[in-house]
Amino acid sequence: MVARRRKTSSTESEANQGPERTCAVTRAKLDPAELIRFVVDPEGAIVPDLSCKLPGRGVWVRGDADTVGEAARSNAFARSLKRSVTVPEALAAQVEALMRRRALEALSLANKAGLLVTGFAKVDTAVGRGDAAALLHATEASADGSGKLDRKMKAVLGHIAEETGEKLELHIVNQFDSTELSLATGRLNVVHAALTRGGATEKFLREAGRLRAYREDGGAGTAKPSDMRSDTERA
């Protein structure tokens, strides 16, 4: 059976053409996943296109707050597009806010898909059964409670690796406070949570990892000490 070819839009063509893009600031060639795409809106203002779906010619910038800030200060967007544009003064903060929203929306979808459990006892049980694919700790969670769950999950994943030879990753996300986690999941006082395996979990981890890289890799100046752990470790 011959698959019917769908006509690709100019935006899709640009996003899919070649494995790398050039950062407008550093001139480094990077995978599109490491970059942020920006376009010009009808009023001539630069807007972030995190989903790479907006029409128009894109400008690609390395996905960290420092580089986005430098792009805004150095006239990189106008040079790349060869036209006058308006750049929001707080562009770097705007991008971070959009990334946070996307990650929390992805968490909400994972919750609706039935992939989320909350509460220390339920999370502990899920970890012990080997069901947990990722742990979430609110920024205000106690180090003792978080550490206990992290160590248990690492031990469980290590045991799975010994028995099956399968190397699983230990995903720990601690970039959001309890209020954000509670609003995203529609539950009260979420401090500890676990995500089980599924497509919605993978999407959330991608979005959360992108946000972490944006804040930490570029030294955005807004990261809290509790954010500075990697959200992915090898068990």
C-alpha atoms as a PDB file:
ATOM      1  CA  MET A   1       0.000   0.000   0.000  1.00  0.00           C
ATOM      2  CA  VAL A   2       1.418   3.339  -1.039  1.00  0.00           C
ATOM      3  CA  ALA A   3       1.083   6.029   1.628  1.00  0.00           C
ATOM      4  CA  ARG A   4      -0.497   9.263   0.474  1.00  0.00           C
ATOM      5  CA  ARG A   5       1.943  12.136   0.772  1.00  0.00           C
ATOM      6  CA  ARG A   6       0.659  15.170   2.633  1.00  0.00           C
ATOM      7  CA  LYS A   7       1.596  18.578   1.323  1.00  0.00           C
ATOM      8  CA  THR A   8       4.043  20.198   3.728  1.00  0.00           C
ATOM      9  CA  SER A   9       3.683  23.829   4.740  1.00  0.00           C
ATOM     10  CA  SER A  10       6.607  26.235   4.418  1.00  0.00           C
ATOM     11  CA  THR A  11       6.949  26.256   8.209  1.00  0.00           C
ATOM     12  CA  GLU A  12       7.075  22.457   8.436  1.00  0.00           C
ATOM     13  CA  SER A  13       9.548  22.370   5.577  1.00  0.00           C
ATOM     14  CA  GLU A  14      11.821  24.806   7.376  1.00  0.00           C
ATOM     15  CA  ALA A  15      11.562  22.918  10.669  1.00  0.00           C
ATOM     16  CA  ASN A  16      12.321  19.555   9.065  1.00  0.00           C
ATOM     17  CA  GLN A  17      15.001  20.601   6.602  1.00  0.00           C
ATOM     18  CA  GLY A  18      18.342  19.246   7.761  1.00  0.00           C
ATOM     19  CA  PRO A  19      19.434  18.063  11.195  1.00  0.00           C
ATOM     20  CA  GLU A  20      20.948  21.323  12.437  1.00  0.00           C
ATOM     21  CA  ARG A  21      20.255  25.035  12.706  1.00  0.00           C
ATOM     22  CA  THR A  22      22.652  27.952  13.243  1.00  0.00           C
ATOM     23  CA  CYS A  23      22.243  30.058  16.375  1.00  0.00           C
ATOM     24  CA  ALA A  24      21.826  33.720  15.367  1.00  0.00           C
ATOM     25  CA  VAL A  25      24.013  34.814  18.314  1.00  0.00           C
ATOM     26  CA  THR A  26      26.791  32.243  18.733  1.00  0.00           C
ATOM     27  CA  ARG A  27      26.753  30.992  15.114  1.00  0.00           C
ATOM     28  CA  ALA A  28      27.064  27.459  16.498  1.00  0.00           C
ATOM     29  CA  LYS A  29      25.310  24.718  14.544  1.00  0.00           C
ATOM     30  CA  LEU A  30      23.005  22.837  16.900  1.00  0.00           C
ATOM     31  CA  ASP A  31      20.186  20.330  16.878  1.00  0.00           C
ATOM     32  CA  PRO A  32      16.799  22.121  16.682  1.00  0.00           C
ATOM     33  CA  ALA A  33      15.931  20.624  20.085  1.00  0.00           C
ATOM     34  CA  GLU A  34      18.723  22.749  21.592  1.00  0.00           C
ATOM     35  CA  LEU A  35      17.410  25.958  20.031  1.00  0.00           C
ATOM     36  CA  ILE A  36      14.391  28.239  20.235  1.00  0.00           C
ATOM     37  CA  ARG A  37      12.668  29.455  17.090  1.00  0.00           C
ATOM     38  CA  PHE A  38      11.469  33.065  16.878  1.00  0.00           C
ATOM     39  CA  VAL A  39       9.284  34.675  14.228  1.00  0.00           C
ATOM     40  CA  VAL A  40       7.861  38.123  13.511  1.00  0.00           C
ATOM     41  CA  ASP A  41       4.176  38.702  14.214  1.00  0.00           C
ATOM     42  CA  PRO A  42       1.947  40.857  11.950  1.00  0.00           C
ATOM     43  CA  GLU A  43       2.830  43.964  14.013  1.00  0.00           C
ATOM     44  CA  GLY A  44       6.564  43.446  13.439  1.00  0.00           C
ATOM     45  CA  ALA A  45       7.342  42.153  16.937  1.00  0.00           C
ATOM     46  CA  ILE A  46       9.556  39.167  17.707  1.00  0.00           C
ATOM     47  CA  VAL A  47       7.655  36.294  19.319  1.00  0.00           C
ATOM     48  CA  PRO A  48       8.927  32.879  20.497  1.00  0.00           C
ATOM     49  CA  ASP A  49       7.646  29.863  18.568  1.00  0.00           C
ATOM     50  CA  LEU A  50       8.336  26.999  20.985  1.00  0.00           C
ATOM     51  CA  SER A  51       6.265  24.523  18.997  1.00  0.00           C
ATOM     52  CA  CYS A  52       7.884  25.526  15.661  1.00  0.00           C
ATOM     53  CA  LYS A  53       4.485  25.869  14.025  1.00  0.00           C
ATOM     54  CA  LEU A  54       4.058  29.595  13.428  1.00  0.00           C
ATOM     55  CA  PRO A  55       4.287  30.786   9.802  1.00  0.00           C
ATOM     56  CA  GLY A  56       7.111  32.909   8.498  1.00  0.00           C
ATOM     57  CA  ARG A  57      10.862  32.813   8.407  1.00  0.00           C
ATOM     58  CA  GLY A  58      12.368  31.694  11.692  1.00  0.00           C
ATOM     59  CA  VAL A  59      15.377  32.926  13.644  1.00  0.00           C
ATOM     60  CA  TRP A  60      17.001  30.241  15.768  1.00  0.00           C
ATOM     61  CA  VAL A  61      18.684  31.041  19.102  1.00  0.00           C
ATOM     62  CA  ARG A  62      20.400  28.699  21.544  1.00  0.00           C
ATOM     63  CA  GLY A  63      17.906  27.596  24.177  1.00  0.00           C
ATOM     64  CA  ASP A  64      19.195  29.345  27.280  1.00  0.00           C
ATOM     65  CA  ALA A  65      18.235  32.627  28.905  1.00  0.00           C
ATOM     66  CA  ASP A  66      21.617  34.310  28.504  1.00  0.00           C
ATOM     67  CA  THR A  67      21.735  33.716  24.756  1.00  0.00           C
ATOM     68  CA  VAL A  68      18.135  34.847  24.277  1.00  0.00           C
ATOM     69  CA  GLY A  69      18.919  37.982  26.285  1.00  0.00           C
ATOM     70  CA  GLU A  70      22.001  38.625  24.167  1.00  0.00           C
ATOM     71  CA  ALA A  71      19.944  38.183  20.983  1.00  0.00           C
ATOM     72  CA  ALA A  72      17.547  40.849  22.211  1.00  0.00           C
ATOM     73  CA  ARG A  73      20.357  43.267  23.117  1.00  0.00           C
ATOM     74  CA  SER A  74      22.592  42.741  20.085  1.00  0.00           C
ATOM     75  CA  ASN A  75      20.072  43.308  17.282  1.00  0.00           C
ATOM     76  CA  ALA A  76      20.535  39.683  16.194  1.00  0.00           C
ATOM     77  CA  PHE A  77      16.911  39.297  15.095  1.00  0.00           C
ATOM     78  CA  ALA A  78      16.979  42.312  12.772  1.00  0.00           C
ATOM     79  CA  ARG A  79      20.314  41.201  11.284  1.00  0.00           C
ATOM     80  CA  SER A  80      19.071  37.684  10.620  1.00  0.00           C
ATOM     81  CA  LEU A  81      15.780  38.826   9.113  1.00  0.00           C
ATOM     82  CA  LYS A  82      17.294  41.839   7.321  1.00  0.00           C
ATOM     83  CA  ARG A  83      14.451  44.077   8.454  1.00  0.00           C
ATOM     84  CA  SER A  84      13.430  46.273  11.377  1.00  0.00           C
ATOM     85  CA  VAL A  85      11.708  44.421  14.191  1.00  0.00           C
ATOM     86  CA  THR A  86      10.473  45.198  17.692  1.00  0.00           C
ATOM     87  CA  VAL A  87      12.004  43.079  20.437  1.00  0.00           C
ATOM     88  CA  PRO A  88      10.176  42.879  23.799  1.00  0.00           C
ATOM     89  CA  GLU A  89      12.330  44.237  26.606  1.00  0.00           C
ATOM     90  CA  ALA A  90      11.695  41.173  28.781  1.00  0.00           C
ATOM     91  CA  LEU A  91      11.970  38.589  25.989  1.00  0.00           C
ATOM     92  CA  ALA A  92      14.089  36.150  28.015  1.00  0.00           C
ATOM     93  CA  ALA A  93      11.581  36.188  30.887  1.00  0.00           C
ATOM     94  CA  GLN A  94       8.702  35.825  28.430  1.00  0.00           C
ATOM     95  CA  VAL A  95      10.284  32.679  26.975  1.00  0.00           C
ATOM     96  CA  GLU A  96      10.771  31.182  30.424  1.00  0.00           C
ATOM     97  CA  ALA A  97       7.153  31.859  31.360  1.00  0.00           C
ATOM     98  CA  LEU A  98       5.976  30.144  28.168  1.00  0.00           C
ATOM     99  CA  MET A  99       8.212  27.150  28.866  1.00  0.00           C
ATOM    100  CA  ARG A 100       6.859  26.836  32.398  1.00  0.00           C
ATOM    101  CA  ARG A 101       3.306  26.984  31.087  1.00  0.00           C
ATOM    102  CA  ARG A 102       3.986  24.318  28.460  1.00  0.00           C
ATOM    103  CA  ALA A 103       5.557  21.990  31.031  1.00  0.00           C
ATOM    104  CA  LEU A 104       2.676  22.417  33.476  1.00  0.00           C
ATOM    105  CA  GLU A 105       0.132  21.900  30.696  1.00  0.00           C
ATOM    106  CA  ALA A 106       1.944  18.672  29.788  1.00  0.00           C
ATOM    107  CA  LEU A 107       1.775  17.609  33.442  1.00  0.00           C
ATOM    108  CA  SER A 108      -1.964  18.315  33.442  1.00  0.00           C
ATOM    109  CA  LEU A 109      -2.389  16.059  30.401  1.00  0.00           C
ATOM    110  CA  ALA A 110      -0.385  13.294  32.079  1.00  0.00           C
ATOM    111  CA  ASN A 111      -2.670  13.590  35.105  1.00  0.00           C
ATOM    112  CA  LYS A 112      -5.778  13.352  32.908  1.00  0.00           C
ATOM    113  CA  ALA A 113      -4.277  10.275  31.260  1.00  0.00           C
ATOM    114  CA  GLY A 114      -4.115   8.599  34.669  1.00  0.00           C
ATOM    115  CA  LEU A 115      -0.317   8.553  34.802  1.00  0.00           C
ATOM    116  CA  LEU A 116       0.135  10.604  37.989  1.00  0.00           C
ATOM    117  CA  VAL A 117       0.054   9.621  41.649  1.00  0.00           C
ATOM    118  CA  THR A 118       0.513  12.116  44.490  1.00  0.00           C
ATOM    119  CA  GLY A 119       1.196  11.951  48.203  1.00  0.00           C
ATOM    120  CA  PHE A 120       4.303  10.535  49.846  1.00  0.00           C
ATOM    121  CA  ALA A 121       2.800   7.128  50.700  1.00  0.00           C
ATOM    122  CA  LYS A 122       1.331   6.508  47.241  1.00  0.00           C
ATOM    123  CA  VAL A 123       4.525   7.677  45.553  1.00  0.00           C
ATOM    124  CA  ASP A 124       6.576   5.411  47.819  1.00  0.00           C
ATOM    125  CA  THR A 125       4.369   2.456  46.856  1.00  0.00           C
ATOM    126  CA  ALA A 126       4.625   3.214  43.136  1.00  0.00           C
ATOM    127  CA  VAL A 127       8.406   3.458  43.398  1.00  0.00           C
ATOM    128  CA  GLY A 128       8.621   0.170  45.318  1.00  0.00           C
ATOM    129  CA  ARG A 129       6.571  -1.632  42.666  1.00  0.00           C
ATOM    130  CA  GLY A 130       8.809  -0.299  39.908  1.00  0.00           C
ATOM    131  CA  ASP A 131       5.927   1.602  38.328  1.00  0.00           C
ATOM    132  CA  ALA A 132       7.402   5.098  38.607  1.00  0.00           C
ATOM    133  CA  ALA A 133       9.038   6.575  35.525  1.00  0.00           C
ATOM    134  CA  ALA A 134       9.727   9.965  37.121  1.00  0.00           C
ATOM    135  CA  LEU A 135       9.598  11.681  40.502  1.00  0.00           C
ATOM    136  CA  LEU A 136       8.364  15.219  41.099  1.00  0.00           C
ATOM    137  CA  HIS A 137       9.224  17.189  44.217  1.00  0.00           C
ATOM    138  CA  ALA A 138       7.917  20.678  44.954  1.00  0.00           C
ATOM    139  CA  THR A 139      10.634  23.258  45.526  1.00  0.00           C
ATOM    140  CA  GLU A 140       9.600  23.526  49.170  1.00  0.00           C
ATOM    141  CA  ALA A 141       9.696  19.735  49.757  1.00  0.00           C
ATOM    142  CA  SER A 142      11.929  18.603  52.614  1.00  0.00           C
ATOM    143  CA  ALA A 143      15.338  17.252  51.665  1.00  0.00           C
ATOM    144  CA  ASP A 144      14.741  14.184  53.843  1.00  0.00           C
ATOM    145  CA  GLY A 145      11.508  13.176  52.143  1.00  0.00           C
ATOM    146  CA  SER A 146      12.791  13.842  48.629  1.00  0.00           C
ATOM    147  CA  GLY A 147      16.068  12.085  49.326  1.00  0.00           C
ATOM    148  CA  LYS A 148      14.333   8.981  50.677  1.00  0.00           C
ATOM    149  CA  LEU A 149      12.194   8.630  47.539  1.00  0.00           C
ATOM    150  CA  ASP A 150      15.120   9.372  45.227  1.00  0.00           C
ATOM    151  CA  ARG A 151      17.341   6.745  46.868  1.00  0.00           C
ATOM    152  CA  LYS A 152      14.595   4.135  46.820  1.00  0.00           C
ATOM    153  CA  MET A 153      13.836   4.701  43.151  1.00  0.00           C
ATOM    154  CA  LYS A 154      17.518   4.560  42.245  1.00  0.00           C
ATOM    155  CA  ALA A 155      17.846   1.254  44.118  1.00  0.00           C
ATOM    156  CA  VAL A 156      14.760  -0.190  42.400  1.00  0.00           C
ATOM    157  CA  LEU A 157      16.018   0.826  38.958  1.00  0.00           C
ATOM    158  CA  GLY A 158      19.407  -0.672  39.769  1.00  0.00           C
ATOM    159  CA  HIS A 159      17.718  -3.944  40.748  1.00  0.00           C
ATOM    160  CA  ILE A 160      15.750  -3.960  37.477  1.00  0.00           C
ATOM    161  CA  ALA A 161      18.986  -3.408  35.576  1.00  0.00           C
ATOM    162  CA  GLU A 162      20.641  -6.348  37.351  1.00  0.00           C
ATOM    163  CA  GLU A 163      17.730  -8.674  36.623  1.00  0.00           C
ATOM    164  CA  THR A 164      16.927  -7.678  33.051  1.00  0.00           C
ATOM    165  CA  GLY A 165      20.002  -5.841  31.792  1.00  0.00           C
ATOM    166  CA  GLU A 166      17.747  -2.899  30.940  1.00  0.00           C
ATOM    167  CA  LYS A 167      19.294   0.462  31.834  1.00  0.00           C
ATOM    168  CA  LEU A 168      16.561   2.834  32.963  1.00  0.00           C
ATOM    169  CA  GLU A 169      16.986   6.527  33.640  1.00  0.00           C
ATOM    170  CA  LEU A 170      16.205   8.150  36.958  1.00  0.00           C
ATOM    171  CA  HIS A 171      14.117  11.247  36.224  1.00  0.00           C
ATOM    172  CA  ILE A 172      13.755  13.785  39.031  1.00  0.00           C
ATOM    173  CA  VAL A 173      11.913  17.061  38.439  1.00  0.00           C
ATOM    174  CA  ASN A 174      12.035  19.750  41.128  1.00  0.00           C
ATOM    175  CA  GLN A 175      11.466  22.977  39.228  1.00  0.00           C
ATOM    176  CA  PHE A 176       7.922  23.782  40.358  1.00  0.00           C
ATOM    177  CA  ASP A 177       6.456  24.815  43.687  1.00  0.00           C
ATOM    178  CA  SER A 178       3.500  23.133  45.381  1.00  0.00           C
ATOM    179  CA  THR A 179       1.033  25.760  44.168  1.00  0.00           C
ATOM    180  CA  GLU A 180       2.023  25.191  40.531  1.00  0.00           C
ATOM    181  CA  LEU A 181       1.856  21.414  40.877  1.00  0.00           C
ATOM    182  CA  SER A 182      -1.510  21.599  42.642  1.00  0.00           C
ATOM    183  CA  LEU A 183      -3.042  23.892  40.015  1.00  0.00           C
ATOM    184  CA  ALA A 184      -1.727  21.764  37.148  1.00  0.00           C
ATOM    185  CA  THR A 185      -3.104  18.542  38.597  1.00  0.00           C
ATOM    186  CA  GLY A 186      -6.276  19.807  40.235  1.00  0.00           C
ATOM    187  CA  ARG A 187      -5.185  18.320  43.562  1.00  0.00           C
ATOM    188  CA  LEU A 188      -4.499  19.882  46.938  1.00  0.00           C
ATOM    189  CA  ASN A 189      -1.054  20.463  48.447  1.00  0.00           C
ATOM    190  CA  VAL A 190       1.000  18.449  45.961  1.00  0.00           C
ATOM    191  CA  VAL A 191       4.530  18.109  47.344  1.00  0.00           C
ATOM    192  CA  HIS A 192       5.614  14.693  46.037  1.00  0.00           C
ATOM    193  CA  ALA A 193       4.327  12.975  42.911  1.00  0.00           C
ATOM    194  CA  ALA A 194       5.284  10.166  40.558  1.00  0.00           C
ATOM    195  CA  LEU A 195       4.566   9.656  36.893  1.00  0.00           C
ATOM    196  CA  THR A 196       4.137   6.206  35.407  1.00  0.00           C
ATOM    197  CA  ARG A 197       5.262   5.331  31.892  1.00  0.00           C
ATOM    198  CA  GLY A 198       3.381   6.679  28.900  1.00  0.00           C
ATOM    199  CA  GLY A 199       3.517   9.148  26.060  1.00  0.00           C
ATOM    200  CA  ALA A 200       2.189  12.020  28.179  1.00  0.00           C
ATOM    201  CA  THR A 201       4.933  11.398  30.742  1.00  0.00           C
ATOM    202  CA  GLU A 202       7.586  11.532  28.036  1.00  0.00           C
ATOM    203  CA  LYS A 203       6.176  14.811  26.732  1.00  0.00           C
ATOM    204  CA  PHE A 204       6.220  16.344  30.214  1.00  0.00           C
ATOM    205  CA  LEU A 205       9.827  15.249  30.774  1.00  0.00           C
ATOM    206  CA  ARG A 206      10.862  16.838  27.471  1.00  0.00           C
ATOM    207  CA  GLU A 207       9.216  20.133  28.389  1.00  0.00           C
ATOM    208  CA  ALA A 208      10.593  20.109  31.942  1.00  0.00           C
ATOM    209  CA  GLY A 209      14.070  19.278  30.658  1.00  0.00           C
ATOM    210  CA  ARG A 210      13.889  22.118  28.163  1.00  0.00           C
ATOM    211  CA  LEU A 211      12.939  24.538  30.931  1.00  0.00           C
ATOM    212  CA  ARG A 212      15.752  23.315  33.186  1.00  0.00           C
ATOM    213  CA  ALA A 213      18.301  23.731  30.406  1.00  0.00           C
ATOM    214  CA  TYR A 214      16.993  27.232  29.654  1.00  0.00           C
ATOM    215  CA  ARG A 215      17.380  28.348  33.271  1.00  0.00           C
ATOM    216  CA  GLU A 216      20.554  26.556  34.278  1.00  0.00           C
ATOM    217  CA  ASP A 217      22.675  26.418  31.127  1.00  0.00           C
ATOM    218  CA  GLY A 218      22.387  30.135  30.593  1.00  0.00           C
ATOM    219  CA  GLY A 219      22.572  31.271  34.199  1.00  0.00           C
ATOM    220  CA  ALA A 220      19.242  33.048  33.964  1.00  0.00           C
ATOM    221  CA  GLY A 221      19.630  34.431  37.442  1.00  0.00           C
ATOM    222  CA  THR A 222      16.235  33.126  38.503  1.00  0.00           C
ATOM    223  CA  ALA A 223      17.070  29.524  39.294  1.00  0.00           C
ATOM    224  CA  LYS A 224      16.674  28.430  42.887  1.00  0.00           C
ATOM    225  CA  PRO A 225      19.180  26.117  44.606  1.00  0.00           C
ATOM    226  CA  SER A 226      16.605  23.323  44.607  1.00  0.00           C
ATOM    227  CA  ASP A 227      16.422  23.521  40.802  1.00  0.00           C
ATOM    228  CA  MET A 228      20.089  22.810  40.335  1.00  0.00           C
ATOM    229  CA  ARG A 229      19.847  19.036  40.361  1.00  0.00           C
ATOM    230  CA  SER A 230      19.745  17.264  37.056  1.00  0.00           C
ATOM    231  CA  ASP A 231      16.262  16.055  36.234  1.00  0.00           C
ATOM    232  CA  THR A 232      17.755  12.992  34.535  1.00  0.00           C
ATOM    233  CA  GLU A 233      20.351  10.737  36.071  1.00  0.00           C
ATOM    234  CA  ARG A 234      21.596   7.359  34.977  1.00  0.00           C
ATOM    235  CA  ALA A 235      20.623   4.658  37.447  1.00  0.00           C
END
